[in-house]
């Protein structure tokens, strides 16, 4: 696959830049939470969710995961 871009989301500076708008909207009260798609593509999905939770205390985090027959 050569049409996709990857981000080093585990790096703090990349995480903060990538989620700047969502975190701003959550802190202002404009949104109640975020929905995350394709978390299974991350190297450390639990660590990512922990970082997101620390930035969004009291806000919802919904994770989409479509399970196939072999999962």
Protein backbone atom coordinates (compact mmCIF):
# COMPACT_ATOMS: atom_id res chain seq x y z
CA UNK A 1 0.00 0.00 0.00
CA UNK A 2 1.61 3.25 -1.02
CA UNK A 3 -1.30 5.68 -0.74
CA UNK A 4 -1.45 5.90 3.06
CA UNK A 5 0.51 8.12 5.40
CA UNK A 6 1.65 7.08 8.85
CA UNK A 7 2.04 9.32 11.89
CA UNK A 8 4.28 8.64 14.87
CA UNK A 9 1.33 9.26 17.19
CA UNK A 10 3.24 7.76 20.14
CA UNK A 11 5.52 10.81 20.15
CA UNK A 12 4.13 13.47 22.48
CA UNK A 13 4.62 16.38 20.08
CA UNK A 14 2.93 14.51 17.21
CA UNK A 15 0.06 13.48 19.50
CA UNK A 16 -0.54 17.05 20.65
CA UNK A 17 -0.34 18.59 17.17
CA UNK A 18 -2.58 15.90 15.63
CA UNK A 19 -5.24 16.27 18.37
CA UNK A 20 -4.96 20.03 18.89
CA UNK A 21 -8.41 20.86 17.49
CA UNK A 22 -10.25 18.02 19.24
CA UNK A 23 -8.66 18.87 22.59
CA UNK A 24 -9.50 22.55 22.12
CA UNK A 25 -13.13 21.71 21.31
CA UNK A 26 -13.43 19.38 24.30
CA UNK A 27 -11.91 21.87 26.73
CA UNK A 28 -14.27 24.59 25.50
CA UNK A 29 -17.27 22.29 26.05
CA UNK A 30 -18.16 22.21 22.34
CA UNK A 31 -17.86 18.41 22.17
CA UNK A 32 -18.49 15.67 24.71
CA UNK A 33 -15.90 13.24 23.45
CA UNK A 34 -14.15 11.66 20.50
CA UNK A 35 -14.55 8.56 18.36
CA UNK A 36 -11.43 6.68 17.34
CA UNK A 37 -11.33 4.49 14.22
CA UNK A 38 -8.79 1.83 13.27
CA UNK A 39 -7.02 1.73 16.63
CA UNK A 40 -5.91 -1.80 15.79
CA UNK A 41 -3.34 -0.27 13.42
CA UNK A 42 -1.43 1.36 16.28
CA UNK A 43 1.65 -0.22 17.82
CA UNK A 44 0.45 0.51 21.37
CA UNK A 45 -3.30 1.16 21.31
CA UNK A 46 -3.70 1.00 25.10
CA UNK A 47 -0.95 3.58 25.62
CA UNK A 48 -2.60 5.83 23.02
CA UNK A 49 -5.95 5.60 24.80
CA UNK A 50 -4.29 6.34 28.16
CA UNK A 51 -2.74 9.50 26.69
CA UNK A 52 -6.07 10.52 25.20
CA UNK A 53 -7.86 9.87 28.50
CA UNK A 54 -5.36 12.03 30.37
CA UNK A 55 -6.08 14.90 27.95
CA UNK A 56 -9.86 14.39 28.02
CA UNK A 57 -10.84 13.74 31.64
CA UNK A 58 -14.56 13.32 32.03
CA UNK A 59 -15.13 13.15 28.27
CA UNK A 60 -16.26 10.14 26.26
CA UNK A 61 -13.90 8.10 24.15
CA UNK A 62 -15.53 5.67 21.76
CA UNK A 63 -13.44 3.14 19.85
CA UNK A 64 -14.70 1.54 16.67
CA UNK A 65 -13.60 -2.01 16.06
CA UNK A 66 -15.26 -4.20 13.46
CA UNK A 67 -14.44 -7.81 14.19
CA UNK A 68 -14.02 -10.24 11.36
CA UNK A 69 -14.55 -13.97 11.63
CA UNK A 70 -10.88 -14.59 12.33
CA UNK A 71 -10.53 -11.92 15.04
